[in-house]
Amino acid sequence: MIITRKELVKICDRYLDDKVSKEELIHFARTVMFDDENRYECEDDLVEEILSQWDNAKTQSKINKTSIQFLRNALSDLN
């Protein structure tokens, strides 16, 4: 499965609509980043960087509605 920018926008929307939690975002990112079976692939370096940030324990405290809304808008503008 290729994780695209559009897919990340959908994930951001789900977070903003309280359909997924911060912990689920982190779990998703960790699953993609450490996929030993190569089930997941990032569309580009931007997608990989975002998932890396979500997985990084030092930056996880910055995951909130404001930051995800900003990220969602930025991703939408790039598509």
C-alpha atoms as a PDB file:
ATOM      1  CA  MET A   1       0.000   0.000   0.000  1.00  0.00           C
ATOM      2  CA  ILE A   2       1.365   3.398  -0.955  1.00  0.00           C
ATOM      3  CA  ILE A   3       0.768   6.112   1.638  1.00  0.00           C
ATOM      4  CA  THR A   4       0.016   9.260  -0.356  1.00  0.00           C
ATOM      5  CA  ARG A   5      -0.381  12.907   0.566  1.00  0.00           C
ATOM      6  CA  LYS A   6      -4.110  12.543  -0.083  1.00  0.00           C
ATOM      7  CA  GLU A   7      -4.214   9.618   2.328  1.00  0.00           C
ATOM      8  CA  LEU A   8      -2.504  11.734   4.991  1.00  0.00           C
ATOM      9  CA  VAL A   9      -5.099  14.477   4.449  1.00  0.00           C
ATOM     10  CA  LYS A  10      -7.821  11.890   5.110  1.00  0.00           C
ATOM     11  CA  ILE A  11      -6.028  10.764   8.262  1.00  0.00           C
ATOM     12  CA  CYS A  12      -5.730  14.374   9.423  1.00  0.00           C
ATOM     13  CA  ASP A  13      -9.468  14.828   8.774  1.00  0.00           C
ATOM     14  CA  ARG A  14     -10.249  11.767  10.858  1.00  0.00           C
ATOM     15  CA  TYR A  15      -8.119  13.122  13.701  1.00  0.00           C
ATOM     16  CA  LEU A  16      -9.771  16.544  13.490  1.00  0.00           C
ATOM     17  CA  ASP A  17     -13.202  14.877  13.555  1.00  0.00           C
ATOM     18  CA  ASP A  18     -12.199  12.892  16.683  1.00  0.00           C
ATOM     19  CA  LYS A  19     -12.443   9.606  14.804  1.00  0.00           C
ATOM     20  CA  VAL A  20      -8.826   8.681  15.577  1.00  0.00           C
ATOM     21  CA  SER A  21      -6.704   9.608  18.561  1.00  0.00           C
ATOM     22  CA  LYS A  22      -3.198  10.958  18.841  1.00  0.00           C
ATOM     23  CA  GLU A  23      -2.097   7.503  19.954  1.00  0.00           C
ATOM     24  CA  GLU A  24      -3.610   5.980  16.815  1.00  0.00           C
ATOM     25  CA  LEU A  25      -1.709   8.486  14.639  1.00  0.00           C
ATOM     26  CA  ILE A  26       1.498   7.513  16.404  1.00  0.00           C
ATOM     27  CA  HIS A  27       0.732   3.798  16.065  1.00  0.00           C
ATOM     28  CA  PHE A  28      -0.029   4.205  12.346  1.00  0.00           C
ATOM     29  CA  ALA A  29       3.223   6.108  11.769  1.00  0.00           C
ATOM     30  CA  ARG A  30       5.229   3.515  13.676  1.00  0.00           C
ATOM     31  CA  THR A  31       3.583   0.697  11.709  1.00  0.00           C
ATOM     32  CA  VAL A  32       4.476   2.318   8.385  1.00  0.00           C
ATOM     33  CA  MET A  33       7.987   3.380   9.375  1.00  0.00           C
ATOM     34  CA  PHE A  34       8.949  -0.021  10.806  1.00  0.00           C
ATOM     35  CA  ASP A  35       7.179  -2.282   8.328  1.00  0.00           C
ATOM     36  CA  ASP A  36       9.476  -5.291   8.006  1.00  0.00           C
ATOM     37  CA  GLU A  37       7.227  -6.933   5.429  1.00  0.00           C
ATOM     38  CA  ASN A  38       7.287  -3.951   3.021  1.00  0.00           C
ATOM     39  CA  ARG A  39       3.495  -3.667   3.001  1.00  0.00           C
ATOM     40  CA  TYR A  40       3.700   0.118   3.115  1.00  0.00           C
ATOM     41  CA  GLU A  41       5.571   2.620   1.002  1.00  0.00           C
ATOM     42  CA  CYS A  42       5.571   6.411   1.209  1.00  0.00           C
ATOM     43  CA  GLU A  43       4.626   8.360  -1.903  1.00  0.00           C
ATOM     44  CA  ASP A  44       7.503  10.797  -1.425  1.00  0.00           C
ATOM     45  CA  ASP A  45       9.956  12.252   1.069  1.00  0.00           C
ATOM     46  CA  LEU A  46       7.355  14.651   2.499  1.00  0.00           C
ATOM     47  CA  VAL A  47       5.019  11.813   3.479  1.00  0.00           C
ATOM     48  CA  GLU A  48       7.929   9.920   4.994  1.00  0.00           C
ATOM     49  CA  GLU A  49       9.045  13.006   6.950  1.00  0.00           C
ATOM     50  CA  ILE A  50       5.542  13.583   8.365  1.00  0.00           C
ATOM     51  CA  LEU A  51       5.234   9.975   9.482  1.00  0.00           C
ATOM     52  CA  SER A  52       8.724  10.134  10.934  1.00  0.00           C
ATOM     53  CA  GLN A  53       7.732  13.211  12.958  1.00  0.00           C
ATOM     54  CA  TRP A  54       4.589  11.484  14.240  1.00  0.00           C
ATOM     55  CA  ASP A  55       6.690   8.497  15.281  1.00  0.00           C
ATOM     56  CA  ASN A  56       9.412  10.587  16.941  1.00  0.00           C
ATOM     57  CA  ALA A  57       8.969  10.673  20.738  1.00  0.00           C
ATOM     58  CA  LYS A  58      10.549  14.154  20.883  1.00  0.00           C
ATOM     59  CA  THR A  59       7.935  15.692  18.557  1.00  0.00           C
ATOM     60  CA  GLN A  60       4.835  13.748  19.568  1.00  0.00           C
ATOM     61  CA  SER A  61       3.937  16.413  22.126  1.00  0.00           C
ATOM     62  CA  LYS A  62       3.345  18.780  19.187  1.00  0.00           C
ATOM     63  CA  ILE A  63       0.551  16.624  17.788  1.00  0.00           C
ATOM     64  CA  ASN A  64      -2.638  18.552  18.487  1.00  0.00           C
ATOM     65  CA  LYS A  65      -5.662  19.916  16.646  1.00  0.00           C
ATOM     66  CA  THR A  66      -3.888  23.135  15.644  1.00  0.00           C
ATOM     67  CA  SER A  67      -0.778  21.450  14.256  1.00  0.00           C
ATOM     68  CA  ILE A  68      -2.766  18.771  12.437  1.00  0.00           C
ATOM     69  CA  GLN A  69      -5.080  21.406  10.908  1.00  0.00           C
ATOM     70  CA  PHE A  70      -2.027  23.346   9.704  1.00  0.00           C
ATOM     71  CA  LEU A  71      -0.479  20.172   8.288  1.00  0.00           C
ATOM     72  CA  ARG A  72      -3.753  19.195   6.618  1.00  0.00           C
ATOM     73  CA  ASN A  73      -4.071  22.600   4.955  1.00  0.00           C
ATOM     74  CA  ALA A  74      -0.468  22.516   3.768  1.00  0.00           C
ATOM     75  CA  LEU A  75      -0.897  19.025   2.307  1.00  0.00           C
ATOM     76  CA  SER A  76      -4.123  20.053   0.574  1.00  0.00           C
ATOM     77  CA  ASP A  77      -2.400  23.067  -0.984  1.00  0.00           C
ATOM     78  CA  LEU A  78       0.346  20.812  -2.373  1.00  0.00           C
ATOM     79  CA  ASN A  79      -2.102  18.427  -4.083  1.00  0.00           C
END
